[in-house]
Amino acid sequence: AASMRAWLYGIARRVAWRQRRGGGRRQRLEDAVA
């Protein structure tokens, strides 16, 4: 009954957090978007 995109985004959000955390000083979100 829920949104598939919202569910996938929640998973992607956690994956992205792990990627950034594991990358040490990788670009912050502001720099990545710009």
ModelCIF file with pLDDT and N, C-alpha, C, O atoms, coordinates in Angstrom:
data_MODEL
#
_entry.id   MODEL 
#
_entity.id                         1 
_entity.type                       polymer 
_entity.pdbx_number_of_molecules   1 
#
_entity_poly.entity_id                      1 
_entity_poly.type                           'polypeptide(L)' 
_entity_poly.nstd_linkage                   no 
_entity_poly.nstd_monomer                   no 
_entity_poly.pdbx_seq_one_letter_code       AASMRAWLYGIARRVAWRQRRGGGRRQRLEDAVA 
_entity_poly.pdbx_seq_one_letter_code_can   AASMRAWLYGIARRVAWRQRRGGGRRQRLEDAVA 
_entity_poly.pdbx_strand_id                 A 
#
loop_
_entity_poly_seq.entity_id 
_entity_poly_seq.num 
_entity_poly_seq.mon_id 
_entity_poly_seq.hetero 
1 1  ALA n 
1 2  ALA n 
1 3  SER n 
1 4  MET n 
1 5  ARG n 
1 6  ALA n 
1 7  TRP n 
1 8  LEU n 
1 9  TYR n 
1 10 GLY n 
1 11 ILE n 
1 12 ALA n 
1 13 ARG n 
1 14 ARG n 
1 15 VAL n 
1 16 ALA n 
1 17 TRP n 
1 18 ARG n 
1 19 GLN n 
1 20 ARG n 
1 21 ARG n 
1 22 GLY n 
1 23 GLY n 
1 24 GLY n 
1 25 ARG n 
1 26 ARG n 
1 27 GLN n 
1 28 ARG n 
1 29 LEU n 
1 30 GLU n 
1 31 ASP n 
1 32 ALA n 
1 33 VAL n 
1 34 ALA n 
#
_struct_asym.id          A 
_struct_asym.entity_id   1 
#
loop_
_ma_qa_metric.id 
_ma_qa_metric.mode 
_ma_qa_metric.name 
_ma_qa_metric.software_group_id 
_ma_qa_metric.type 
1 global pLDDT . pLDDT 
2 local  pLDDT . pLDDT 
#
_ma_qa_metric_global.metric_id      1 
_ma_qa_metric_global.metric_value   69.38 
_ma_qa_metric_global.model_id       1 
_ma_qa_metric_global.ordinal_id     1 
#
loop_
_ma_qa_metric_local.label_asym_id 
_ma_qa_metric_local.label_comp_id 
_ma_qa_metric_local.label_seq_id 
_ma_qa_metric_local.metric_id 
_ma_qa_metric_local.metric_value 
_ma_qa_metric_local.model_id 
_ma_qa_metric_local.ordinal_id 
A ALA 1  2 76.00 1 1  
A ALA 2  2 78.00 1 2  
A SER 3  2 84.00 1 3  
A MET 4  2 89.00 1 4  
A ARG 5  2 88.00 1 5  
A ALA 6  2 88.00 1 6  
A TRP 7  2 90.00 1 7  
A LEU 8  2 91.00 1 8  
A TYR 9  2 89.00 1 9  
A GLY 10 2 87.00 1 10 
A ILE 11 2 89.00 1 11 
A ALA 12 2 89.00 1 12 
A ARG 13 2 86.00 1 13 
A ARG 14 2 86.00 1 14 
A VAL 15 2 89.00 1 15 
A ALA 16 2 86.00 1 16 
A TRP 17 2 79.00 1 17 
A ARG 18 2 80.00 1 18 
A GLN 19 2 77.00 1 19 
A ARG 20 2 67.00 1 20 
A ARG 21 2 65.00 1 21 
A GLY 22 2 60.00 1 22 
A GLY 23 2 55.00 1 23 
A GLY 24 2 40.00 1 24 
A ARG 25 2 39.00 1 25 
A ARG 26 2 43.00 1 26 
A GLN 27 2 46.00 1 27 
A ARG 28 2 44.00 1 28 
A LEU 29 2 45.00 1 29 
A GLU 30 2 44.00 1 30 
A ASP 31 2 48.00 1 31 
A ALA 32 2 48.00 1 32 
A VAL 33 2 47.00 1 33 
A ALA 34 2 47.00 1 34 
#
loop_
_atom_site.group_PDB 
_atom_site.id 
_atom_site.type_symbol 
_atom_site.label_atom_id 
_atom_site.label_alt_id 
_atom_site.label_comp_id 
_atom_site.label_asym_id 
_atom_site.label_entity_id 
_atom_site.label_seq_id 
_atom_site.pdbx_PDB_ins_code 
_atom_site.Cartn_x 
_atom_site.Cartn_y 
_atom_site.Cartn_z 
_atom_site.occupancy 
_atom_site.B_iso_or_equiv 
_atom_site.pdbx_formal_charge 
_atom_site.auth_seq_id 
_atom_site.auth_comp_id 
_atom_site.auth_asym_id 
_atom_site.auth_atom_id 
_atom_site.pdbx_PDB_model_num 
ATOM 1   N N  . ALA A 1 1  ? 0.830  -1.215 0.000  1.00 76.00 ? 1  ALA A N  1 
ATOM 2   C CA . ALA A 1 1  ? 0.000  0.000  0.000  1.00 76.00 ? 1  ALA A CA 1 
ATOM 3   C C  . ALA A 1 1  ? 0.861  1.261  0.000  1.00 76.00 ? 1  ALA A C  1 
ATOM 4   O O  . ALA A 1 1  ? 0.355  2.365  -0.198 1.00 76.00 ? 1  ALA A O  1 
ATOM 5   N N  . ALA A 1 2  ? 2.147  1.093  0.220  1.00 78.00 ? 2  ALA A N  1 
ATOM 6   C CA . ALA A 1 2  ? 3.052  2.242  0.286  1.00 78.00 ? 2  ALA A CA 1 
ATOM 7   C C  . ALA A 1 2  ? 3.611  2.571  -1.089 1.00 78.00 ? 2  ALA A C  1 
ATOM 8   O O  . ALA A 1 2  ? 3.363  1.858  -2.062 1.00 78.00 ? 2  ALA A O  1 
ATOM 9   N N  . SER A 1 3  ? 4.374  3.667  -1.156 1.00 84.00 ? 3  SER A N  1 
ATOM 10  C CA . SER A 1 3  ? 5.010  4.097  -2.402 1.00 84.00 ? 3  SER A CA 1 
ATOM 11  C C  . SER A 1 3  ? 6.306  3.332  -2.614 1.00 84.00 ? 3  SER A C  1 
ATOM 12  O O  . SER A 1 3  ? 7.167  3.300  -1.734 1.00 84.00 ? 3  SER A O  1 
ATOM 13  N N  . MET A 1 4  ? 6.443  2.715  -3.784 1.00 89.00 ? 4  MET A N  1 
ATOM 14  C CA . MET A 1 4  ? 7.666  1.990  -4.103 1.00 89.00 ? 4  MET A CA 1 
ATOM 15  C C  . MET A 1 4  ? 8.865  2.935  -4.142 1.00 89.00 ? 4  MET A C  1 
ATOM 16  O O  . MET A 1 4  ? 9.942  2.595  -3.652 1.00 89.00 ? 4  MET A O  1 
ATOM 17  N N  . ARG A 1 5  ? 8.680  4.120  -4.722 1.00 88.00 ? 5  ARG A N  1 
ATOM 18  C CA . ARG A 1 5  ? 9.794  5.058  -4.817 1.00 88.00 ? 5  ARG A CA 1 
ATOM 19  C C  . ARG A 1 5  ? 10.225 5.549  -3.439 1.00 88.00 ? 5  ARG A C  1 
ATOM 20  O O  . ARG A 1 5  ? 11.419 5.719  -3.189 1.00 88.00 ? 5  ARG A O  1 
ATOM 21  N N  . ALA A 1 6  ? 9.268  5.777  -2.546 1.00 88.00 ? 6  ALA A N  1 
ATOM 22  C CA . ALA A 1 6  ? 9.625  6.198  -1.195 1.00 88.00 ? 6  ALA A CA 1 
ATOM 23  C C  . ALA A 1 6  ? 10.417 5.099  -0.485 1.00 88.00 ? 6  ALA A C  1 
ATOM 24  O O  . ALA A 1 6  ? 11.381 5.386  0.225  1.00 88.00 ? 6  ALA A O  1 
ATOM 25  N N  . TRP A 1 7  ? 10.012 3.849  -0.675 1.00 90.00 ? 7  TRP A N  1 
ATOM 26  C CA . TRP A 1 7  ? 10.712 2.716  -0.058 1.00 90.00 ? 7  TRP A CA 1 
ATOM 27  C C  . TRP A 1 7  ? 12.136 2.608  -0.612 1.00 90.00 ? 7  TRP A C  1 
ATOM 28  O O  . TRP A 1 7  ? 13.094 2.467  0.149  1.00 90.00 ? 7  TRP A O  1 
ATOM 29  N N  . LEU A 1 8  ? 12.267 2.676  -1.923 1.00 91.00 ? 8  LEU A N  1 
ATOM 30  C CA . LEU A 1 8  ? 13.590 2.590  -2.544 1.00 91.00 ? 8  LEU A CA 1 
ATOM 31  C C  . LEU A 1 8  ? 14.466 3.777  -2.141 1.00 91.00 ? 8  LEU A C  1 
ATOM 32  O O  . LEU A 1 8  ? 15.670 3.624  -1.937 1.00 91.00 ? 8  LEU A O  1 
ATOM 33  N N  . TYR A 1 9  ? 13.866 4.945  -2.030 1.00 89.00 ? 9  TYR A N  1 
ATOM 34  C CA . TYR A 1 9  ? 14.643 6.112  -1.627 1.00 89.00 ? 9  TYR A CA 1 
ATOM 35  C C  . TYR A 1 9  ? 15.183 5.937  -0.211 1.00 89.00 ? 9  TYR A C  1 
ATOM 36  O O  . TYR A 1 9  ? 16.325 6.298  0.073  1.00 89.00 ? 9  TYR A O  1 
ATOM 37  N N  . GLY A 1 10 ? 14.362 5.387  0.670  1.00 87.00 ? 10 GLY A N  1 
ATOM 38  C CA . GLY A 1 10 ? 14.820 5.136  2.026  1.00 87.00 ? 10 GLY A CA 1 
ATOM 39  C C  . GLY A 1 10 ? 16.028 4.211  2.050  1.00 87.00 ? 10 GLY A C  1 
ATOM 40  O O  . GLY A 1 10 ? 16.962 4.428  2.822  1.00 87.00 ? 10 GLY A O  1 
ATOM 41  N N  . ILE A 1 11 ? 16.013 3.177  1.206  1.00 89.00 ? 11 ILE A N  1 
ATOM 42  C CA . ILE A 1 11 ? 17.156 2.263  1.106  1.00 89.00 ? 11 ILE A CA 1 
ATOM 43  C C  . ILE A 1 11 ? 18.357 2.993  0.519  1.00 89.00 ? 11 ILE A C  1 
ATOM 44  O O  . ILE A 1 11 ? 19.468 2.885  1.039  1.00 89.00 ? 11 ILE A O  1 
ATOM 45  N N  . ALA A 1 12 ? 18.137 3.737  -0.566 1.00 89.00 ? 12 ALA A N  1 
ATOM 46  C CA . ALA A 1 12 ? 19.229 4.471  -1.218 1.00 89.00 ? 12 ALA A CA 1 
ATOM 47  C C  . ALA A 1 12 ? 19.854 5.481  -0.256 1.00 89.00 ? 12 ALA A C  1 
ATOM 48  O O  . ALA A 1 12 ? 21.066 5.693  -0.273 1.00 89.00 ? 12 ALA A O  1 
ATOM 49  N N  . ARG A 1 13 ? 19.040 6.086  0.562  1.00 86.00 ? 13 ARG A N  1 
ATOM 50  C CA . ARG A 1 13 ? 19.531 7.079  1.524  1.00 86.00 ? 13 ARG A CA 1 
ATOM 51  C C  . ARG A 1 13 ? 20.516 6.438  2.504  1.00 86.00 ? 13 ARG A C  1 
ATOM 52  O O  . ARG A 1 13 ? 21.557 7.015  2.815  1.00 86.00 ? 13 ARG A O  1 
ATOM 53  N N  . ARG A 1 14 ? 20.176 5.240  2.984  1.00 86.00 ? 14 ARG A N  1 
ATOM 54  C CA . ARG A 1 14 ? 21.075 4.544  3.912  1.00 86.00 ? 14 ARG A CA 1 
ATOM 55  C C  . ARG A 1 14 ? 22.349 4.074  3.206  1.00 86.00 ? 14 ARG A C  1 
ATOM 56  O O  . ARG A 1 14 ? 23.441 4.132  3.770  1.00 86.00 ? 14 ARG A O  1 
ATOM 57  N N  . VAL A 1 15 ? 22.193 3.609  1.968  1.00 89.00 ? 15 VAL A N  1 
ATOM 58  C CA . VAL A 1 15 ? 23.372 3.194  1.192  1.00 89.00 ? 15 VAL A CA 1 
ATOM 59  C C  . VAL A 1 15 ? 24.300 4.385  0.970  1.00 89.00 ? 15 VAL A C  1 
ATOM 60  O O  . VAL A 1 15 ? 25.515 4.264  1.121  1.00 89.00 ? 15 VAL A O  1 
ATOM 61  N N  . ALA A 1 16 ? 23.729 5.532  0.613  1.00 86.00 ? 16 ALA A N  1 
ATOM 62  C CA . ALA A 1 16 ? 24.538 6.734  0.377  1.00 86.00 ? 16 ALA A CA 1 
ATOM 63  C C  . ALA A 1 16 ? 25.255 7.165  1.651  1.00 86.00 ? 16 ALA A C  1 
ATOM 64  O O  . ALA A 1 16 ? 26.411 7.587  1.608  1.00 86.00 ? 16 ALA A O  1 
ATOM 65  N N  . TRP A 1 17 ? 24.569 7.057  2.777  1.00 79.00 ? 17 TRP A N  1 
ATOM 66  C CA . TRP A 1 17 ? 25.194 7.421  4.052  1.00 79.00 ? 17 TRP A CA 1 
ATOM 67  C C  . TRP A 1 17 ? 26.396 6.526  4.334  1.00 79.00 ? 17 TRP A C  1 
ATOM 68  O O  . TRP A 1 17 ? 27.439 7.006  4.777  1.00 79.00 ? 17 TRP A O  1 
ATOM 69  N N  . ARG A 1 18 ? 26.254 5.247  4.082  1.00 80.00 ? 18 ARG A N  1 
ATOM 70  C CA . ARG A 1 18 ? 27.373 4.325  4.302  1.00 80.00 ? 18 ARG A CA 1 
ATOM 71  C C  . ARG A 1 18 ? 28.525 4.633  3.345  1.00 80.00 ? 18 ARG A C  1 
ATOM 72  O O  . ARG A 1 18 ? 29.693 4.562  3.727  1.00 80.00 ? 18 ARG A O  1 
ATOM 73  N N  . GLN A 1 19 ? 28.188 4.975  2.105  1.00 77.00 ? 19 GLN A N  1 
ATOM 74  C CA . GLN A 1 19 ? 29.225 5.299  1.124  1.00 77.00 ? 19 GLN A CA 1 
ATOM 75  C C  . GLN A 1 19 ? 30.005 6.534  1.562  1.00 77.00 ? 19 GLN A C  1 
ATOM 76  O O  . GLN A 1 19 ? 31.234 6.558  1.500  1.00 77.00 ? 19 GLN A O  1 
ATOM 77  N N  . ARG A 1 20 ? 29.285 7.550  2.000  1.00 67.00 ? 20 ARG A N  1 
ATOM 78  C CA . ARG A 1 20 ? 29.953 8.787  2.424  1.00 67.00 ? 20 ARG A CA 1 
ATOM 79  C C  . ARG A 1 20 ? 30.770 8.563  3.683  1.00 67.00 ? 20 ARG A C  1 
ATOM 80  O O  . ARG A 1 20 ? 31.886 9.069  3.802  1.00 67.00 ? 20 ARG A O  1 
ATOM 81  N N  . ARG A 1 21 ? 30.228 7.818  4.611  1.00 65.00 ? 21 ARG A N  1 
ATOM 82  C CA . ARG A 1 21 ? 30.919 7.539  5.872  1.00 65.00 ? 21 ARG A CA 1 
ATOM 83  C C  . ARG A 1 21 ? 32.186 6.727  5.618  1.00 65.00 ? 21 ARG A C  1 
ATOM 84  O O  . ARG A 1 21 ? 33.220 6.970  6.240  1.00 65.00 ? 21 ARG A O  1 
ATOM 85  N N  . GLY A 1 22 ? 32.102 5.768  4.706  1.00 60.00 ? 22 GLY A N  1 
ATOM 86  C CA . GLY A 1 22 ? 33.254 4.935  4.407  1.00 60.00 ? 22 GLY A CA 1 
ATOM 87  C C  . GLY A 1 22 ? 34.309 5.665  3.607  1.00 60.00 ? 22 GLY A C  1 
ATOM 88  O O  . GLY A 1 22 ? 35.464 5.242  3.568  1.00 60.00 ? 22 GLY A O  1 
ATOM 89  N N  . GLY A 1 23 ? 33.921 6.767  2.962  1.00 55.00 ? 23 GLY A N  1 
ATOM 90  C CA . GLY A 1 23 ? 34.848 7.495  2.107  1.00 55.00 ? 23 GLY A CA 1 
ATOM 91  C C  . GLY A 1 23 ? 35.646 8.563  2.827  1.00 55.00 ? 23 GLY A C  1 
ATOM 92  O O  . GLY A 1 23 ? 36.434 9.268  2.197  1.00 55.00 ? 23 GLY A O  1 
ATOM 93  N N  . GLY A 1 24 ? 35.462 8.699  4.130  1.00 40.00 ? 24 GLY A N  1 
ATOM 94  C CA . GLY A 1 24 ? 36.242 9.672  4.895  1.00 40.00 ? 24 GLY A CA 1 
ATOM 95  C C  . GLY A 1 24 ? 35.887 11.087 4.520  1.00 40.00 ? 24 GLY A C  1 
ATOM 96  O O  . GLY A 1 24 ? 34.815 11.580 4.869  1.00 40.00 ? 24 GLY A O  1 
ATOM 97  N N  . ARG A 1 25 ? 36.795 11.754 3.799  1.00 39.00 ? 25 ARG A N  1 
ATOM 98  C CA . ARG A 1 25 ? 36.592 13.168 3.476  1.00 39.00 ? 25 ARG A CA 1 
ATOM 99  C C  . ARG A 1 25 ? 35.989 13.358 2.094  1.00 39.00 ? 25 ARG A C  1 
ATOM 100 O O  . ARG A 1 25 ? 36.266 14.352 1.422  1.00 39.00 ? 25 ARG A O  1 
ATOM 101 N N  . ARG A 1 26 ? 35.164 12.405 1.670  1.00 43.00 ? 26 ARG A N  1 
ATOM 102 C CA . ARG A 1 26 ? 34.518 12.544 0.370  1.00 43.00 ? 26 ARG A CA 1 
ATOM 103 C C  . ARG A 1 26 ? 33.660 13.806 0.338  1.00 43.00 ? 26 ARG A C  1 
ATOM 104 O O  . ARG A 1 26 ? 33.261 14.321 1.383  1.00 43.00 ? 26 ARG A O  1 
ATOM 105 N N  . GLN A 1 27 ? 33.388 14.285 -0.832 1.00 46.00 ? 27 GLN A N  1 
ATOM 106 C CA . GLN A 1 27 ? 32.618 15.529 -0.971 1.00 46.00 ? 27 GLN A CA 1 
ATOM 107 C C  . GLN A 1 27 ? 31.320 15.462 -0.193 1.00 46.00 ? 27 GLN A C  1 
ATOM 108 O O  . GLN A 1 27 ? 30.624 14.447 -0.188 1.00 46.00 ? 27 GLN A O  1 
ATOM 109 N N  . ARG A 1 28 ? 31.012 16.564 0.460  1.00 44.00 ? 28 ARG A N  1 
ATOM 110 C CA . ARG A 1 28 ? 29.722 16.682 1.132  1.00 44.00 ? 28 ARG A CA 1 
ATOM 111 C C  . ARG A 1 28 ? 28.623 16.874 0.087  1.00 44.00 ? 28 ARG A C  1 
ATOM 112 O O  . ARG A 1 28 ? 28.902 17.128 -1.085 1.00 44.00 ? 28 ARG A O  1 
ATOM 113 N N  . LEU A 1 29 ? 27.382 16.749 0.525  1.00 45.00 ? 29 LEU A N  1 
ATOM 114 C CA . LEU A 1 29 ? 26.253 16.816 -0.405 1.00 45.00 ? 29 LEU A CA 1 
ATOM 115 C C  . LEU A 1 29 ? 26.221 18.138 -1.163 1.00 45.00 ? 29 LEU A C  1 
ATOM 116 O O  . LEU A 1 29 ? 25.890 18.164 -2.349 1.00 45.00 ? 29 LEU A O  1 
ATOM 117 N N  . GLU A 1 30 ? 26.563 19.240 -0.487 1.00 44.00 ? 30 GLU A N  1 
ATOM 118 C CA . GLU A 1 30 ? 26.541 20.529 -1.184 1.00 44.00 ? 30 GLU A CA 1 
ATOM 119 C C  . GLU A 1 30 ? 27.463 20.521 -2.396 1.00 44.00 ? 30 GLU A C  1 
ATOM 120 O O  . GLU A 1 30 ? 27.081 20.977 -3.474 1.00 44.00 ? 30 GLU A O  1 
ATOM 121 N N  . ASP A 1 31 ? 28.672 20.005 -2.222 1.00 48.00 ? 31 ASP A N  1 
ATOM 122 C CA . ASP A 1 31 ? 29.641 19.968 -3.308 1.00 48.00 ? 31 ASP A CA 1 
ATOM 123 C C  . ASP A 1 31 ? 29.216 18.979 -4.380 1.00 48.00 ? 31 ASP A C  1 
ATOM 124 O O  . ASP A 1 31 ? 29.421 19.221 -5.570 1.00 48.00 ? 31 ASP A O  1 
ATOM 125 N N  . ALA A 1 32 ? 28.611 17.841 -3.952 1.00 48.00 ? 32 ALA A N  1 
ATOM 126 C CA . ALA A 1 32 ? 28.221 16.816 -4.915 1.00 48.00 ? 32 ALA A CA 1 
ATOM 127 C C  . ALA A 1 32 ? 27.140 17.332 -5.855 1.00 48.00 ? 32 ALA A C  1 
ATOM 128 O O  . ALA A 1 32 ? 27.179 17.069 -7.056 1.00 48.00 ? 32 ALA A O  1 
ATOM 129 N N  . VAL A 1 33 ? 26.164 18.075 -5.304 1.00 47.00 ? 33 VAL A N  1 
ATOM 130 C CA . VAL A 1 33 ? 25.100 18.594 -6.155 1.00 47.00 ? 33 VAL A CA 1 
ATOM 131 C C  . VAL A 1 33 ? 25.647 19.649 -7.104 1.00 47.00 ? 33 VAL A C  1 
ATOM 132 O O  . VAL A 1 33 ? 25.330 19.654 -8.293 1.00 47.00 ? 33 VAL A O  1 
ATOM 133 N N  . ALA A 1 34 ? 26.477 20.547 -6.563 1.00 47.00 ? 34 ALA A N  1 
ATOM 134 C CA . ALA A 1 34 ? 27.018 21.620 -7.390 1.00 47.00 ? 34 ALA A CA 1 
ATOM 135 C C  . ALA A 1 34 ? 27.919 21.089 -8.496 1.00 47.00 ? 34 ALA A C  1 
ATOM 136 O O  . ALA A 1 34 ? 28.455 21.869 -9.283 1.00 47.00 ? 34 ALA A O  1 
#
